[in-house]
Protein backbone atom coordinates (compact mmCIF):
# COMPACT_ATOMS: atom_id res chain seq x y z
CA MET A 1 79.79 -46.49 140.55
CA GLU A 2 80.37 -42.71 139.86
CA LEU A 3 83.92 -43.08 139.08
CA SER A 4 86.70 -45.32 138.06
CA PHE A 5 90.42 -44.42 138.36
CA CYS A 6 92.13 -47.02 135.90
CA ILE A 7 95.48 -48.08 136.79
CA THR A 8 97.87 -50.33 134.88
CA CYS A 9 101.18 -51.73 135.87
CA MET A 10 104.12 -54.02 134.66
CA ASN A 11 106.98 -54.17 137.01
CA ARG A 12 106.41 -50.80 138.61
CA LEU A 13 106.04 -51.79 142.25
CA HIS A 14 108.85 -49.49 143.13
CA GLN A 15 106.30 -47.07 142.00
CA ILE A 16 102.92 -47.96 143.25
CA SER A 17 104.01 -48.86 146.30
CA GLN A 18 104.62 -45.05 146.81
CA THR A 19 101.16 -43.88 145.34
CA LEU A 20 98.63 -46.60 145.79
CA LEU A 21 97.71 -46.73 149.47
CA THR A 22 98.33 -42.88 149.29
CA ASN A 23 95.66 -42.49 146.84
CA LEU A 24 93.11 -44.93 148.62
CA LYS A 25 93.55 -42.67 151.78
CA HIS A 26 92.60 -39.48 149.67
CA ASN A 27 89.31 -40.78 148.73
CA ASN A 28 86.35 -40.90 151.20
CA ASN A 29 83.48 -41.70 148.38
CA GLN A 30 82.24 -44.93 148.28
CA SER A 31 81.11 -44.11 144.64
CA VAL A 32 84.59 -43.97 143.53
CA GLU A 33 86.76 -47.12 142.89
CA PHE A 34 90.15 -48.01 141.97
CA ILE A 35 90.79 -50.54 138.99
CA LEU A 36 94.26 -51.96 139.25
CA VAL A 37 95.53 -54.39 136.33
CA ASP A 38 98.78 -56.34 136.89
CA PHE A 39 100.37 -57.35 133.48
CA ASN A 40 102.52 -60.23 134.17
CA SER A 41 104.67 -58.37 137.09
CA SER A 42 107.49 -60.34 138.56
CA ASP A 43 108.67 -57.81 140.96
CA GLY A 44 106.62 -58.78 143.79
CA LEU A 45 103.44 -56.74 142.96
CA LYS A 46 100.90 -59.62 143.57
CA GLU A 47 102.27 -60.46 147.28
CA TYR A 48 102.48 -56.42 147.71
CA ILE A 49 98.87 -56.12 147.28
CA LEU A 50 97.18 -59.32 148.63
CA ASP A 51 99.64 -59.97 151.74
CA ASN A 52 99.51 -56.46 152.90
CA ASN A 53 96.96 -56.06 155.82
CA GLU A 54 96.78 -52.22 154.52
CA PHE A 55 95.01 -52.72 151.56
CA LYS A 56 92.37 -55.55 152.91
CA ARG A 57 89.71 -53.58 153.52
CA TYR A 58 90.00 -51.78 150.22
CA LEU A 59 89.70 -54.98 148.47
CA ASP A 60 86.87 -56.55 150.85
CA THR A 61 84.78 -53.37 150.07
CA LYS A 62 85.77 -53.45 146.39
CA GLN A 63 87.21 -50.04 146.59
CA LEU A 64 90.16 -51.50 145.01
CA LYS A 65 89.92 -53.99 142.44
CA TYR A 66 93.08 -56.15 141.63
CA ASN A 67 93.31 -57.98 138.43
CA ILE A 68 95.72 -60.11 137.06
CA ILE A 69 96.22 -59.99 133.22
CA ASP A 70 98.96 -62.81 131.97
CA ARG A 71 98.24 -62.58 128.34
CA LEU A 72 100.10 -59.33 128.01
CA LYS A 73 103.93 -60.44 127.47
CA PHE A 74 104.98 -57.11 126.86
CA TRP A 75 104.08 -53.60 127.86
CA HIS A 76 101.61 -51.70 124.98
CA ALA A 77 100.05 -48.96 126.62
CA SER A 78 97.01 -48.79 124.45
CA ILE A 79 96.12 -52.35 124.99
CA ALA A 80 96.80 -52.31 128.69
CA LYS A 81 94.74 -49.03 129.29
CA ASN A 82 91.89 -50.48 127.22
CA THR A 83 91.83 -53.43 129.34
CA ALA A 84 91.66 -51.49 132.94
CA HIS A 85 89.21 -49.18 131.17
CA ASN A 86 86.75 -51.84 130.09
CA LEU A 87 86.97 -53.32 133.75
CA ALA A 88 85.94 -50.33 134.95
CA THR A 89 82.08 -49.81 136.27
CA GLY A 90 82.19 -46.18 136.96
CA LYS A 91 80.38 -43.60 135.10
CA ILE A 92 83.32 -41.54 134.41
CA VAL A 93 86.54 -43.23 133.67
CA VAL A 94 90.06 -41.74 134.85
CA ASN A 95 93.50 -43.04 133.46
CA LEU A 96 95.62 -43.08 136.52
CA ASP A 97 99.30 -43.89 135.55
CA CYS A 98 100.62 -46.01 138.38
CA ASP A 99 103.16 -43.10 139.43
CA ASN A 100 100.61 -40.57 139.93
CA TYR A 101 98.70 -39.37 142.74
CA ILE A 102 95.03 -38.18 142.85
CA GLY A 103 95.27 -35.80 145.31
CA GLU A 104 92.92 -34.94 148.46
CA ASN A 105 89.55 -36.09 147.38
CA GLY A 106 90.78 -36.10 143.86
CA GLY A 107 87.76 -38.20 142.81
CA ASP A 108 85.22 -36.09 144.16
CA PHE A 109 87.25 -33.24 142.67
CA ILE A 110 86.80 -34.82 139.06
CA ILE A 111 83.38 -35.54 139.35
CA ASN A 112 82.28 -32.10 140.67
CA ILE A 113 83.79 -31.16 137.25
CA PHE A 114 81.78 -33.28 135.01
CA LYS A 115 78.50 -32.40 137.11
CA GLU A 116 79.45 -28.57 136.46
CA ASN A 117 79.69 -29.37 132.34
CA ASN A 118 76.88 -31.40 132.13
CA TYR A 119 79.60 -34.52 131.69
CA ASN A 120 79.96 -33.84 128.00
CA ILE A 121 83.68 -33.07 128.31
CA ILE A 122 86.85 -34.58 128.40
CA LEU A 123 89.23 -33.50 131.32
CA SER A 124 92.99 -33.20 131.07
CA GLN A 125 95.00 -32.72 134.21
CA SER A 126 98.15 -32.52 132.71
CA LYS A 127 101.10 -29.89 133.68
CA ASN A 128 101.52 -29.28 130.19
CA ILE A 129 105.57 -29.89 130.74
CA TYR A 130 107.25 -32.28 128.63
CA GLY A 131 108.10 -35.27 131.23
CA SER A 132 106.30 -34.26 134.10
CA GLY A 133 104.42 -37.54 133.98
CA THR A 134 101.18 -36.13 133.95
CA PHE A 135 100.00 -36.19 130.25
CA GLY A 136 97.95 -39.69 130.78
CA ARG A 137 95.58 -38.03 133.37
CA ILE A 138 92.64 -37.75 131.31
CA SER A 139 88.81 -38.36 132.48
CA LEU A 140 85.40 -38.69 130.29
CA LEU A 141 82.39 -40.78 130.45
CA LYS A 142 82.84 -44.44 130.16
CA ASN A 143 79.95 -44.91 127.14
CA ASN A 144 82.27 -41.72 125.30
CA PHE A 145 85.31 -43.86 125.68
CA ILE A 146 83.77 -46.85 124.38
CA LYS A 147 82.13 -44.74 121.63
CA LEU A 148 85.92 -43.48 120.49
CA GLY A 149 86.87 -47.31 120.88
CA GLY A 150 89.35 -46.36 123.37
CA TYR A 151 93.22 -46.06 123.04
CA ASP A 152 94.46 -46.79 119.66
CA GLU A 153 95.79 -50.55 119.72
CA SER A 154 97.45 -50.45 116.19
CA PHE A 155 99.74 -47.92 117.44
CA TYR A 156 103.43 -48.77 118.73
CA PRO A 157 103.52 -49.73 122.23
CA MET A 158 104.23 -45.82 123.51
CA GLY A 159 103.78 -42.33 122.83
CA TYR A 160 101.25 -39.81 121.31
CA GLN A 161 98.21 -42.35 122.55
CA ASP A 162 96.94 -39.85 124.91
CA THR A 163 97.18 -36.78 122.71
CA ASP A 164 95.20 -38.97 120.29
CA LEU A 165 92.63 -39.78 122.42
CA ILE A 166 92.18 -36.23 123.30
CA ASN A 167 92.17 -35.05 119.87
CA ARG A 168 89.86 -37.41 118.37
CA ALA A 169 87.40 -36.74 121.45
CA VAL A 170 87.54 -33.06 120.47
CA LYS A 171 86.35 -33.62 117.19
CA TYR A 172 83.52 -35.91 118.37
CA ASN A 173 82.30 -32.53 119.93
CA LEU A 174 83.71 -33.14 123.43
CA LYS A 175 84.93 -30.08 125.40
CA LEU A 176 88.16 -30.11 126.75
CA ILE A 177 88.89 -29.03 129.86
CA HIS A 178 92.42 -28.78 131.01
CA ILE A 179 92.72 -28.18 134.73
CA ASP A 180 96.37 -28.13 136.17
CA LYS A 181 95.40 -29.30 139.50
CA ASN A 182 95.70 -32.70 141.71
CA ASN A 183 98.42 -34.18 139.41
CA LYS A 184 101.36 -34.70 141.22
CA ALA A 185 103.86 -37.37 139.77
CA ILE A 186 106.96 -39.25 140.20
CA LYS A 187 109.47 -38.25 137.53
CA ASN A 188 110.61 -41.12 135.06
CA THR A 189 112.84 -41.01 131.94
CA LYS A 190 111.11 -42.04 128.85
CA GLN A 191 113.94 -44.93 128.56
CA ASP A 192 112.42 -46.23 131.81
CA SER A 193 108.83 -46.22 130.56
CA ILE A 194 109.71 -48.26 127.43
CA LYS A 195 111.80 -50.69 129.31
CA ASN A 196 108.83 -53.43 129.27
CA CYS A 197 107.96 -53.04 125.55
CA ASN A 198 109.15 -55.42 123.05
CA THR A 199 110.85 -53.03 120.51
CA ASN A 200 114.28 -51.63 119.71
CA ILE A 201 112.82 -48.39 118.58
CA SER A 202 112.89 -45.51 120.92
CA TYR A 203 110.15 -43.58 122.41
CA ASN A 204 110.73 -40.44 119.99
CA LYS A 205 110.43 -42.72 117.06
CA MET A 206 107.41 -44.55 118.30
CA GLU A 207 105.60 -41.27 119.28
CA MET A 208 106.61 -39.63 115.70
CA PHE A 209 105.00 -42.71 114.24
CA ASN A 210 101.88 -42.84 116.04
CA LYS A 211 101.46 -39.09 115.77
CA LEU A 212 101.73 -39.29 112.10
CA LYS A 213 98.88 -42.22 111.96
CA SER A 214 96.94 -40.15 114.44
CA ASN A 215 96.72 -37.22 112.38
CA ILE A 216 95.83 -39.27 108.98
CA ASN A 217 92.84 -40.99 110.96
CA ILE A 218 91.43 -37.20 112.17
CA GLU A 219 91.80 -35.74 108.68
CA ASN A 220 89.99 -38.53 107.52
CA ASN A 221 87.10 -38.38 110.25
CA GLU A 222 88.04 -41.57 111.51
CA LEU A 223 87.68 -41.01 115.11
CA THR A 224 86.63 -44.37 116.28
CA VAL A 225 89.63 -46.60 116.71
CA ASN A 226 89.89 -50.73 117.00
CA LYS A 227 86.80 -50.94 114.88
CA TYR A 228 87.21 -54.67 114.01
CA LYS A 229 88.08 -55.68 117.51
CA ASN A 230 85.06 -57.42 119.58
CA THR A 231 86.35 -55.88 122.43
CA ILE A 232 89.04 -53.34 123.35
CA GLY A 233 91.82 -54.24 125.52
CA ILE A 234 92.35 -58.08 126.57
């Protein structure tokens, strides 16, 4: 498998019902897979995927791989993303938030960028606009993702995990390429993004604490996170 789009979801049926089928139809490359991990959703996501004939051929051909994980009771972005990336079989792993669209032939678009740069890159497709919902669109080789330890699971549940991964990757000598394309997203509020977290801390405070920890780690050249875990995610 050349590329894996890694999608995580907890009670976001209202968004993934708009994006997933469109994304599958926009891919014509059999070497691209979509890993969808459902964390304890109670909004009908399971029925939407498994009882919907439109998804059957994608499930049968394993272009879409649907996984249910019940061990994450509350949302934690780093743990969820690491779990999905760990399940991926693609050479390239792409974090695809469930409210994001890949664009027409979005997988081939990413693969070609990696080929043009000898794969030794980390690719950001963010619009670089705060609140655009695209900052998490990050791609890198899976073996580099594993070497970096993935997303930092010691962080608070939300905030700065994407920037931290990019900054560690750059310090690890991966070339950062930013391309503002194929990155349409459904708009969210920050309050909406943390509604499944088990915390009373605001998004901004979580982001501030996580940024501080990230900066200390990078200053100390601690580029690999989650070092004391046998495997990342759950």
